[in-house]
Amino acid sequence: ANAGGAVVLINPYRARLSQACVCGAMVKKPLRQRVHTCVCG
């Protein structure tokens, strides 16, 4: 708030950020896979 911003709480189970891609693909990855790679490039 002091910096003019806001905090948004994200539910990690619903958002699934590590599985999502901007092309809409959702690919579940094992934790040991440290690189997100998608067919869209």
PDB file of all heavy atoms in Angstrom:
ATOM      1  N   ALA A   1       0.838  -1.206   0.000  1.00  0.00           N
ATOM      2  CA  ALA A   1       0.000   0.000   0.000  1.00  0.00           C
ATOM      3  C   ALA A   1       0.874   1.257   0.000  1.00  0.00           C
ATOM      4  O   ALA A   1       0.577   2.235  -0.702  1.00  0.00           O
ATOM      5  CB  ALA A   1      -0.935  -0.003   1.203  1.00  0.00           C
ATOM      6  N   ASN A   2       1.954   1.232   0.767  1.00  0.00           N
ATOM      7  CA  ASN A   2       2.876   2.385   0.795  1.00  0.00           C
ATOM      8  C   ASN A   2       3.536   2.620  -0.560  1.00  0.00           C
ATOM      9  O   ASN A   2       3.877   3.745  -0.901  1.00  0.00           O
ATOM     10  CB  ASN A   2       3.946   2.190   1.864  1.00  0.00           C
ATOM     11  CG  ASN A   2       3.395   2.347   3.266  1.00  0.00           C
ATOM     12  OD1 ASN A   2       2.336   2.938   3.466  1.00  0.00           O
ATOM     13  ND2 ASN A   2       4.097   1.802   4.244  1.00  0.00           N
ATOM     14  N   ALA A   3       3.709   1.560  -1.321  1.00  0.00           N
ATOM     15  CA  ALA A   3       4.330   1.666  -2.644  1.00  0.00           C
ATOM     16  C   ALA A   3       3.287   1.886  -3.742  1.00  0.00           C
ATOM     17  O   ALA A   3       3.633   1.927  -4.923  1.00  0.00           O
ATOM     18  CB  ALA A   3       5.139   0.412  -2.938  1.00  0.00           C
ATOM     19  N   GLY A   4       2.009   1.978  -3.360  1.00  0.00           N
ATOM     20  CA  GLY A   4       0.958   2.205  -4.351  1.00  0.00           C
ATOM     21  C   GLY A   4       0.452   0.932  -4.999  1.00  0.00           C
ATOM     22  O   GLY A   4      -0.212   0.981  -6.030  1.00  0.00           O
ATOM     23  N   GLY A   5       0.745  -0.213  -4.425  1.00  0.00           N
ATOM     24  CA  GLY A   5       0.323  -1.494  -4.990  1.00  0.00           C
ATOM     25  C   GLY A   5      -0.661  -2.212  -4.093  1.00  0.00           C
ATOM     26  O   GLY A   5      -1.210  -1.628  -3.163  1.00  0.00           O
ATOM     27  N   ALA A   6      -0.878  -3.459  -4.384  1.00  0.00           N
ATOM     28  CA  ALA A   6      -1.784  -4.289  -3.601  1.00  0.00           C
ATOM     29  C   ALA A   6      -1.264  -5.717  -3.581  1.00  0.00           C
ATOM     30  O   ALA A   6      -0.493  -6.123  -4.449  1.00  0.00           O
ATOM     31  CB  ALA A   6      -3.185  -4.253  -4.197  1.00  0.00           C
ATOM     32  N   VAL A   7      -1.710  -6.473  -2.597  1.00  0.00           N
ATOM     33  CA  VAL A   7      -1.347  -7.879  -2.469  1.00  0.00           C
ATOM     34  C   VAL A   7      -2.532  -8.716  -2.924  1.00  0.00           C
ATOM     35  O   VAL A   7      -3.660  -8.478  -2.512  1.00  0.00           O
ATOM     36  CB  VAL A   7      -0.983  -8.231  -1.008  1.00  0.00           C
ATOM     37  CG1 VAL A   7      -0.767  -9.722  -0.845  1.00  0.00           C
ATOM     38  CG2 VAL A   7       0.253  -7.469  -0.583  1.00  0.00           C
ATOM     39  N   VAL A   8      -2.271  -9.674  -3.790  1.00  0.00           N
ATOM     40  CA  VAL A   8      -3.311 -10.602  -4.243  1.00  0.00           C
ATOM     41  C   VAL A   8      -2.886 -11.990  -3.794  1.00  0.00           C
ATOM     42  O   VAL A   8      -1.811 -12.459  -4.158  1.00  0.00           O
ATOM     43  CB  VAL A   8      -3.467 -10.569  -5.784  1.00  0.00           C
ATOM     44  CG1 VAL A   8      -4.466 -11.610  -6.241  1.00  0.00           C
ATOM     45  CG2 VAL A   8      -3.862  -9.186  -6.249  1.00  0.00           C
ATOM     46  N   LEU A   9      -3.728 -12.638  -2.984  1.00  0.00           N
ATOM     47  CA  LEU A   9      -3.431 -14.000  -2.538  1.00  0.00           C
ATOM     48  C   LEU A   9      -3.826 -14.974  -3.637  1.00  0.00           C
ATOM     49  O   LEU A   9      -4.919 -14.892  -4.188  1.00  0.00           O
ATOM     50  CB  LEU A   9      -4.196 -14.310  -1.253  1.00  0.00           C
ATOM     51  CG  LEU A   9      -3.854 -13.420  -0.060  1.00  0.00           C
ATOM     52  CD1 LEU A   9      -4.726 -13.781   1.135  1.00  0.00           C
ATOM     53  CD2 LEU A   9      -2.387 -13.529   0.295  1.00  0.00           C
ATOM     54  N   ILE A  10      -2.935 -15.879  -3.953  1.00  0.00           N
ATOM     55  CA  ILE A  10      -3.168 -16.838  -5.032  1.00  0.00           C
ATOM     56  C   ILE A  10      -3.268 -18.234  -4.435  1.00  0.00           C
ATOM     57  O   ILE A  10      -2.381 -18.661  -3.697  1.00  0.00           O
ATOM     58  CB  ILE A  10      -2.026 -16.781  -6.062  1.00  0.00           C
ATOM     59  CG1 ILE A  10      -1.970 -15.400  -6.689  1.00  0.00           C
ATOM     60  CG2 ILE A  10      -2.199 -17.856  -7.115  1.00  0.00           C
ATOM     61  CD1 ILE A  10      -0.789 -15.185  -7.602  1.00  0.00           C
ATOM     62  N   ASN A  11      -4.324 -18.946  -4.770  1.00  0.00           N
ATOM     63  CA  ASN A  11      -4.500 -20.321  -4.344  1.00  0.00           C
ATOM     64  C   ASN A  11      -3.667 -21.199  -5.280  1.00  0.00           C
ATOM     65  O   ASN A  11      -4.002 -21.354  -6.454  1.00  0.00           O
ATOM     66  CB  ASN A  11      -5.978 -20.721  -4.416  1.00  0.00           C
ATOM     67  CG  ASN A  11      -6.226 -22.141  -3.955  1.00  0.00           C
ATOM     68  OD1 ASN A  11      -5.321 -22.971  -3.932  1.00  0.00           O
ATOM     69  ND2 ASN A  11      -7.461 -22.414  -3.591  1.00  0.00           N
ATOM     70  N   PRO A  12      -2.573 -21.796  -4.794  1.00  0.00           N
ATOM     71  CA  PRO A  12      -1.689 -22.554  -5.683  1.00  0.00           C
ATOM     72  C   PRO A  12      -2.343 -23.801  -6.277  1.00  0.00           C
ATOM     73  O   PRO A  12      -1.964 -24.246  -7.350  1.00  0.00           O
ATOM     74  CB  PRO A  12      -0.505 -22.927  -4.793  1.00  0.00           C
ATOM     75  CG  PRO A  12      -1.022 -22.832  -3.402  1.00  0.00           C
ATOM     76  CD  PRO A  12      -2.106 -21.796  -3.420  1.00  0.00           C
ATOM     77  N   TYR A  13      -3.334 -24.360  -5.593  1.00  0.00           N
ATOM     78  CA  TYR A  13      -3.987 -25.562  -6.111  1.00  0.00           C
ATOM     79  C   TYR A  13      -4.948 -25.235  -7.253  1.00  0.00           C
ATOM     80  O   TYR A  13      -5.125 -26.027  -8.162  1.00  0.00           O
ATOM     81  CB  TYR A  13      -4.722 -26.292  -4.987  1.00  0.00           C
ATOM     82  CG  TYR A  13      -3.763 -26.773  -3.937  1.00  0.00           C
ATOM     83  CD1 TYR A  13      -3.640 -26.116  -2.729  1.00  0.00           C
ATOM     84  CD2 TYR A  13      -2.933 -27.864  -4.185  1.00  0.00           C
ATOM     85  CE1 TYR A  13      -2.742 -26.551  -1.773  1.00  0.00           C
ATOM     86  CE2 TYR A  13      -2.025 -28.297  -3.243  1.00  0.00           C
ATOM     87  CZ  TYR A  13      -1.935 -27.643  -2.040  1.00  0.00           C
ATOM     88  OH  TYR A  13      -1.036 -28.068  -1.104  1.00  0.00           O
ATOM     89  N   ARG A  14      -5.547 -24.065  -7.214  1.00  0.00           N
ATOM     90  CA  ARG A  14      -6.457 -23.661  -8.298  1.00  0.00           C
ATOM     91  C   ARG A  14      -5.713 -23.028  -9.460  1.00  0.00           C
ATOM     92  O   ARG A  14      -6.046 -23.245 -10.616  1.00  0.00           O
ATOM     93  CB  ARG A  14      -7.494 -22.671  -7.763  1.00  0.00           C
ATOM     94  CG  ARG A  14      -8.529 -23.329  -6.928  1.00  0.00           C
ATOM     95  CD  ARG A  14      -9.852 -22.706  -7.227  1.00  0.00           C
ATOM     96  NE  ARG A  14     -10.875 -23.497  -6.584  1.00  0.00           N
ATOM     97  CZ  ARG A  14     -11.831 -22.997  -5.864  1.00  0.00           C
ATOM     98  NH1 ARG A  14     -11.912 -21.698  -5.685  1.00  0.00           N
ATOM     99  NH2 ARG A  14     -12.730 -23.777  -5.323  1.00  0.00           N
ATOM    100  N   ALA A  15      -4.719 -22.218  -9.156  1.00  0.00           N
ATOM    101  CA  ALA A  15      -4.019 -21.478 -10.214  1.00  0.00           C
ATOM    102  C   ALA A  15      -3.140 -22.404 -11.052  1.00  0.00           C
ATOM    103  O   ALA A  15      -3.027 -22.217 -12.256  1.00  0.00           O
ATOM    104  CB  ALA A  15      -3.177 -20.363  -9.603  1.00  0.00           C
ATOM    105  N   ARG A  16      -2.486 -23.376 -10.453  1.00  0.00           N
ATOM    106  CA  ARG A  16      -1.599 -24.325 -11.142  1.00  0.00           C
ATOM    107  C   ARG A  16      -0.630 -23.601 -12.086  1.00  0.00           C
ATOM    108  O   ARG A  16      -0.501 -23.942 -13.261  1.00  0.00           O
ATOM    109  CB  ARG A  16      -2.406 -25.371 -11.889  1.00  0.00           C
ATOM    110  CG  ARG A  16      -3.322 -26.159 -10.989  1.00  0.00           C
ATOM    111  CD  ARG A  16      -4.039 -27.250 -11.687  1.00  0.00           C
ATOM    112  NE  ARG A  16      -4.650 -26.806 -12.924  1.00  0.00           N
ATOM    113  CZ  ARG A  16      -5.320 -27.583 -13.735  1.00  0.00           C
ATOM    114  NH1 ARG A  16      -5.492 -28.836 -13.454  1.00  0.00           N
ATOM    115  NH2 ARG A  16      -5.842 -27.125 -14.851  1.00  0.00           N
ATOM    116  N   LEU A  17       0.035 -22.598 -11.564  1.00  0.00           N
ATOM    117  CA  LEU A  17       0.892 -21.743 -12.394  1.00  0.00           C
ATOM    118  C   LEU A  17       2.038 -22.494 -13.060  1.00  0.00           C
ATOM    119  O   LEU A  17       2.413 -22.178 -14.184  1.00  0.00           O
ATOM    120  CB  LEU A  17       1.437 -20.589 -11.554  1.00  0.00           C
ATOM    121  CG  LEU A  17       0.379 -19.643 -11.002  1.00  0.00           C
ATOM    122  CD1 LEU A  17       1.027 -18.632 -10.064  1.00  0.00           C
ATOM    123  CD2 LEU A  17      -0.378 -18.962 -12.111  1.00  0.00           C
ATOM    124  N   SER A  18       2.606 -23.485 -12.380  1.00  0.00           N
ATOM    125  CA  SER A  18       3.731 -24.201 -12.980  1.00  0.00           C
ATOM    126  C   SER A  18       3.286 -25.156 -14.079  1.00  0.00           C
ATOM    127  O   SER A  18       4.109 -25.681 -14.821  1.00  0.00           O
ATOM    128  CB  SER A  18       4.504 -24.985 -11.909  1.00  0.00           C
ATOM    129  OG  SER A  18       3.686 -26.007 -11.377  1.00  0.00           O
ATOM    130  N   GLN A  19       1.974 -25.376 -14.206  1.00  0.00           N
ATOM    131  CA  GLN A  19       1.459 -26.283 -15.227  1.00  0.00           C
ATOM    132  C   GLN A  19       0.888 -25.542 -16.434  1.00  0.00           C
ATOM    133  O   GLN A  19       0.687 -26.129 -17.486  1.00  0.00           O
ATOM    134  CB  GLN A  19       0.349 -27.157 -14.632  1.00  0.00           C
ATOM    135  CG  GLN A  19       0.816 -28.011 -13.489  1.00  0.00           C
ATOM    136  CD  GLN A  19      -0.330 -28.769 -12.855  1.00  0.00           C
ATOM    137  OE1 GLN A  19      -1.383 -28.931 -13.443  1.00  0.00           O
ATOM    138  NE2 GLN A  19      -0.118 -29.244 -11.646  1.00  0.00           N
ATOM    139  N   ALA A  20       0.623 -24.254 -16.296  1.00  0.00           N
ATOM    140  CA  ALA A  20      -0.073 -23.489 -17.334  1.00  0.00           C
ATOM    141  C   ALA A  20       0.890 -22.847 -18.323  1.00  0.00           C
ATOM    142  O   ALA A  20       2.044 -22.575 -18.006  1.00  0.00           O
ATOM    143  CB  ALA A  20      -0.926 -22.405 -16.688  1.00  0.00           C
ATOM    144  N   CYS A  21       0.383 -22.602 -19.514  1.00  0.00           N
ATOM    145  CA  CYS A  21       1.132 -21.881 -20.538  1.00  0.00           C
ATOM    146  C   CYS A  21       0.203 -20.825 -21.142  1.00  0.00           C
ATOM    147  O   CYS A  21      -1.019 -20.958 -21.076  1.00  0.00           O
ATOM    148  CB  CYS A  21       1.632 -22.829 -21.621  1.00  0.00           C
ATOM    149  SG  CYS A  21       2.767 -21.999 -22.766  1.00  0.00           S
ATOM    150  N   VAL A  22       0.771 -19.803 -21.756  1.00  0.00           N
ATOM    151  CA  VAL A  22      -0.037 -18.738 -22.335  1.00  0.00           C
ATOM    152  C   VAL A  22      -0.884 -19.214 -23.504  1.00  0.00           C
ATOM    153  O   VAL A  22      -1.879 -18.588 -23.843  1.00  0.00           O
ATOM    154  CB  VAL A  22       0.829 -17.534 -22.778  1.00  0.00           C
ATOM    155  CG1 VAL A  22       1.432 -16.842 -21.591  1.00  0.00           C
ATOM    156  CG2 VAL A  22       1.886 -17.949 -23.756  1.00  0.00           C
ATOM    157  N   CYS A  23      -0.519 -20.345 -24.109  1.00  0.00           N
ATOM    158  CA  CYS A  23      -1.309 -20.868 -25.224  1.00  0.00           C
ATOM    159  C   CYS A  23      -2.551 -21.611 -24.734  1.00  0.00           C
ATOM    160  O   CYS A  23      -3.396 -22.008 -25.533  1.00  0.00           O
ATOM    161  CB  CYS A  23      -0.454 -21.793 -26.093  1.00  0.00           C
ATOM    162  SG  CYS A  23       0.034 -23.322 -25.274  1.00  0.00           S
ATOM    163  N   GLY A  24      -2.671 -21.798 -23.404  1.00  0.00           N
ATOM    164  CA  GLY A  24      -3.822 -22.484 -22.833  1.00  0.00           C
ATOM    165  C   GLY A  24      -3.561 -23.927 -22.458  1.00  0.00           C
ATOM    166  O   GLY A  24      -4.372 -24.570 -21.818  1.00  0.00           O
ATOM    167  N   ALA A  25      -2.411 -24.440 -22.837  1.00  0.00           N
ATOM    168  CA  ALA A  25      -2.069 -25.833 -22.506  1.00  0.00           C
ATOM    169  C   ALA A  25      -1.795 -25.966 -21.013  1.00  0.00           C
ATOM    170  O   ALA A  25      -1.191 -25.091 -20.405  1.00  0.00           O
ATOM    171  CB  ALA A  25      -0.841 -26.276 -23.299  1.00  0.00           C
ATOM    172  N   MET A  26      -2.263 -27.068 -20.437  1.00  0.00           N
ATOM    173  CA  MET A  26      -2.002 -27.384 -19.029  1.00  0.00           C
ATOM    174  C   MET A  26      -1.292 -28.735 -19.008  1.00  0.00           C
ATOM    175  O   MET A  26      -1.870 -29.739 -19.424  1.00  0.00           O
ATOM    176  CB  MET A  26      -3.287 -27.472 -18.226  1.00  0.00           C
ATOM    177  CG  MET A  26      -4.024 -26.164 -18.106  1.00  0.00           C
ATOM    178  SD  MET A  26      -3.129 -24.985 -17.115  1.00  0.00           S
ATOM    179  CE  MET A  26      -3.806 -25.331 -15.529  1.00  0.00           C
ATOM    180  N   VAL A  27      -0.047 -28.747 -18.566  1.00  0.00           N
ATOM    181  CA  VAL A  27       0.731 -29.978 -18.537  1.00  0.00           C
ATOM    182  C   VAL A  27       1.273 -30.172 -17.125  1.00  0.00           C
ATOM    183  O   VAL A  27       2.032 -29.342 -16.625  1.00  0.00           O
ATOM    184  CB  VAL A  27       1.910 -29.919 -19.543  1.00  0.00           C
ATOM    185  CG1 VAL A  27       2.752 -31.172 -19.463  1.00  0.00           C
ATOM    186  CG2 VAL A  27       1.394 -29.698 -20.944  1.00  0.00           C
ATOM    187  N   LYS A  28       0.846 -31.247 -16.483  1.00  0.00           N
ATOM    188  CA  LYS A  28       1.356 -31.564 -15.150  1.00  0.00           C
ATOM    189  C   LYS A  28       2.788 -32.051 -15.280  1.00  0.00           C
ATOM    190  O   LYS A  28       3.103 -32.884 -16.122  1.00  0.00           O
ATOM    191  CB  LYS A  28       0.487 -32.625 -14.498  1.00  0.00           C
ATOM    192  CG  LYS A  28       0.871 -32.864 -13.063  1.00  0.00           C
ATOM    193  CD  LYS A  28      -0.164 -33.659 -12.340  1.00  0.00           C
ATOM    194  CE  LYS A  28       0.327 -33.875 -10.929  1.00  0.00           C
ATOM    195  NZ  LYS A  28      -0.694 -33.784  -9.958  1.00  0.00           N
ATOM    196  N   LYS A  29       3.656 -31.491 -14.419  1.00  0.00           N
ATOM    197  CA  LYS A  29       5.071 -31.834 -14.472  1.00  0.00           C
ATOM    198  C   LYS A  29       5.506 -32.384 -13.120  1.00  0.00           C
ATOM    199  O   LYS A  29       5.027 -31.927 -12.087  1.00  0.00           O
ATOM    200  CB  LYS A  29       5.901 -30.582 -14.767  1.00  0.00           C
ATOM    201  CG  LYS A  29       5.532 -29.875 -16.041  1.00  0.00           C
ATOM    202  CD  LYS A  29       6.268 -28.559 -16.107  1.00  0.00           C
ATOM    203  CE  LYS A  29       5.774 -27.702 -17.219  1.00  0.00           C
ATOM    204  NZ  LYS A  29       4.489 -27.115 -16.997  1.00  0.00           N
ATOM    205  N   PRO A  30       6.444 -33.322 -13.113  1.00  0.00           N
ATOM    206  CA  PRO A  30       7.002 -33.750 -11.829  1.00  0.00           C
ATOM    207  C   PRO A  30       7.858 -32.612 -11.263  1.00  0.00           C
ATOM    208  O   PRO A  30       8.373 -31.774 -12.014  1.00  0.00           O
ATOM    209  CB  PRO A  30       7.858 -34.960 -12.190  1.00  0.00           C
ATOM    210  CG  PRO A  30       8.159 -34.809 -13.634  1.00  0.00           C
ATOM    211  CD  PRO A  30       7.012 -34.058 -14.244  1.00  0.00           C
ATOM    212  N   LEU A  31       8.003 -32.575  -9.954  1.00  0.00           N
ATOM    213  CA  LEU A  31       8.760 -31.502  -9.317  1.00  0.00           C
ATOM    214  C   LEU A  31      10.204 -31.442  -9.796  1.00  0.00           C
ATOM    215  O   LEU A  31      10.796 -30.375  -9.868  1.00  0.00           O
ATOM    216  CB  LEU A  31       8.716 -31.659  -7.799  1.00  0.00           C
ATOM    217  CG  LEU A  31       9.263 -30.500  -6.983  1.00  0.00           C
ATOM    218  CD1 LEU A  31       8.556 -29.197  -7.340  1.00  0.00           C
ATOM    219  CD2 LEU A  31       9.128 -30.781  -5.511  1.00  0.00           C
ATOM    220  N   ARG A  32      10.771 -32.564 -10.166  1.00  0.00           N
ATOM    221  CA  ARG A  32      12.174 -32.574 -10.613  1.00  0.00           C
ATOM    222  C   ARG A  32      12.347 -31.908 -11.981  1.00  0.00           C
ATOM    223  O   ARG A  32      13.451 -31.561 -12.367  1.00  0.00           O
ATOM    224  CB  ARG A  32      12.713 -33.990 -10.637  1.00  0.00           C
ATOM    225  CG  ARG A  32      12.111 -34.860 -11.697  1.00  0.00           C
ATOM    226  CD  ARG A  32      12.710 -36.271 -11.680  1.00  0.00           C
ATOM    227  NE  ARG A  32      12.080 -37.096 -12.666  1.00  0.00           N
ATOM    228  CZ  ARG A  32      11.008 -37.842 -12.458  1.00  0.00           C
ATOM    229  NH1 ARG A  32      10.455 -37.881 -11.272  1.00  0.00           N
ATOM    230  NH2 ARG A  32      10.480 -38.557 -13.425  1.00  0.00           N
ATOM    231  N   GLN A  33      11.277 -31.721 -12.736  1.00  0.00           N
ATOM    232  CA  GLN A  33      11.363 -31.032 -14.032  1.00  0.00           C
ATOM    233  C   GLN A  33      11.361 -29.536 -13.757  1.00  0.00           C
ATOM    234  O   GLN A  33      10.339 -28.957 -13.435  1.00  0.00           O
ATOM    235  CB  GLN A  33      10.191 -31.405 -14.938  1.00  0.00           C
ATOM    236  CG  GLN A  33      10.285 -30.784 -16.310  1.00  0.00           C
ATOM    237  CD  GLN A  33       9.127 -31.194 -17.201  1.00  0.00           C
ATOM    238  OE1 GLN A  33       8.383 -32.113 -16.881  1.00  0.00           O
ATOM    239  NE2 GLN A  33       8.983 -30.505 -18.300  1.00  0.00           N
ATOM    240  N   ARG A  34      12.504 -28.889 -13.874  1.00  0.00           N
ATOM    241  CA  ARG A  34      12.673 -27.502 -13.473  1.00  0.00           C
ATOM    242  C   ARG A  34      12.505 -26.514 -14.619  1.00  0.00           C
ATOM    243  O   ARG A  34      12.642 -25.317 -14.426  1.00  0.00           O
ATOM    244  CB  ARG A  34      14.055 -27.309 -12.832  1.00  0.00           C
ATOM    245  CG  ARG A  34      14.319 -28.186 -11.637  1.00  0.00           C
ATOM    246  CD  ARG A  34      13.228 -28.147 -10.571  1.00  0.00           C
ATOM    247  NE  ARG A  34      12.953 -26.798 -10.128  1.00  0.00           N
ATOM    248  CZ  ARG A  34      11.823 -26.430  -9.544  1.00  0.00           C
ATOM    249  NH1 ARG A  34      10.862 -27.297  -9.328  1.00  0.00           N
ATOM    250  NH2 ARG A  34      11.643 -25.189  -9.171  1.00  0.00           N
ATOM    251  N   VAL A  35      12.200 -26.995 -15.804  1.00  0.00           N
ATOM    252  CA  VAL A  35      12.039 -26.114 -16.955  1.00  0.00           C
ATOM    253  C   VAL A  35      10.647 -26.296 -17.543  1.00  0.00           C
ATOM    254  O   VAL A  35      10.208 -27.414 -17.777  1.00  0.00           O
ATOM    255  CB  VAL A  35      13.103 -26.415 -18.032  1.00  0.00           C
ATOM    256  CG1 VAL A  35      12.917 -25.526 -19.243  1.00  0.00           C
ATOM    257  CG2 VAL A  35      14.486 -26.256 -17.463  1.00  0.00           C
ATOM    258  N   HIS A  36       9.946 -25.173 -17.746  1.00  0.00           N
ATOM    259  CA  HIS A  36       8.651 -25.211 -18.426  1.00  0.00           C
ATOM    260  C   HIS A  36       8.938 -25.106 -19.920  1.00  0.00           C
ATOM    261  O   HIS A  36       9.526 -24.143 -20.391  1.00  0.00           O
ATOM    262  CB  HIS A  36       7.777 -24.035 -17.979  1.00  0.00           C
ATOM    263  CG  HIS A  36       6.572 -23.834 -18.836  1.00  0.00           C
ATOM    264  ND1 HIS A  36       5.426 -24.570 -18.658  1.00  0.00           N
ATOM    265  CD2 HIS A  36       6.341 -23.024 -19.896  1.00  0.00           C
ATOM    266  CE1 HIS A  36       4.534 -24.197 -19.566  1.00  0.00           C
ATOM    267  NE2 HIS A  36       5.073 -23.266 -20.318  1.00  0.00           N
ATOM    268  N   THR A  37       8.555 -26.134 -20.665  1.00  0.00           N
ATOM    269  CA  THR A  37       8.717 -26.142 -22.110  1.00  0.00           C
ATOM    270  C   THR A  37       7.374 -26.496 -22.724  1.00  0.00           C
ATOM    271  O   THR A  37       6.709 -27.428 -22.280  1.00  0.00           O
ATOM    272  CB  THR A  37       9.757 -27.191 -22.537  1.00  0.00           C
ATOM    273  OG1 THR A  37      10.945 -26.978 -21.783  1.00  0.00           O
ATOM    274  CG2 THR A  37      10.087 -27.065 -24.003  1.00  0.00           C
ATOM    275  N   CYS A  38       6.965 -25.742 -23.727  1.00  0.00           N
ATOM    276  CA  CYS A  38       5.660 -25.968 -24.347  1.00  0.00           C
ATOM    277  C   CYS A  38       5.820 -26.088 -25.867  1.00  0.00           C
ATOM    278  O   CYS A  38       6.772 -25.552 -26.442  1.00  0.00           O
ATOM    279  CB  CYS A  38       4.716 -24.820 -24.011  1.00  0.00           C
ATOM    280  SG  CYS A  38       3.029 -25.079 -24.589  1.00  0.00           S
ATOM    281  N   VAL A  39       4.858 -26.756 -26.495  1.00  0.00           N
ATOM    282  CA  VAL A  39       4.902 -26.911 -27.950  1.00  0.00           C
ATOM    283  C   VAL A  39       4.732 -25.581 -28.676  1.00  0.00           C
ATOM    284  O   VAL A  39       5.106 -25.461 -29.835  1.00  0.00           O
ATOM    285  CB  VAL A  39       3.827 -27.919 -28.433  1.00  0.00           C
ATOM    286  CG1 VAL A  39       4.118 -29.304 -27.903  1.00  0.00           C
ATOM    287  CG2 VAL A  39       2.438 -27.475 -28.026  1.00  0.00           C
ATOM    288  N   CYS A  40       4.197 -24.565 -27.974  1.00  0.00           N
ATOM    289  CA  CYS A  40       4.026 -23.246 -28.612  1.00  0.00           C
ATOM    290  C   CYS A  40       5.348 -22.485 -28.714  1.00  0.00           C
ATOM    291  O   CYS A  40       5.399 -21.418 -29.315  1.00  0.00           O
ATOM    292  CB  CYS A  40       2.984 -22.423 -27.863  1.00  0.00           C
ATOM    293  SG  CYS A  40       3.512 -21.846 -26.239  1.00  0.00           S
ATOM    294  N   GLY A  41       6.416 -23.021 -28.108  1.00  0.00           N
ATOM    295  CA  GLY A  41       7.729 -22.393 -28.229  1.00  0.00           C
ATOM    296  C   GLY A  41       8.234 -21.744 -26.956  1.00  0.00           C
ATOM    297  O   GLY A  41       9.378 -21.298 -26.897  1.00  0.00           O
TER     298      GLY A  41
END
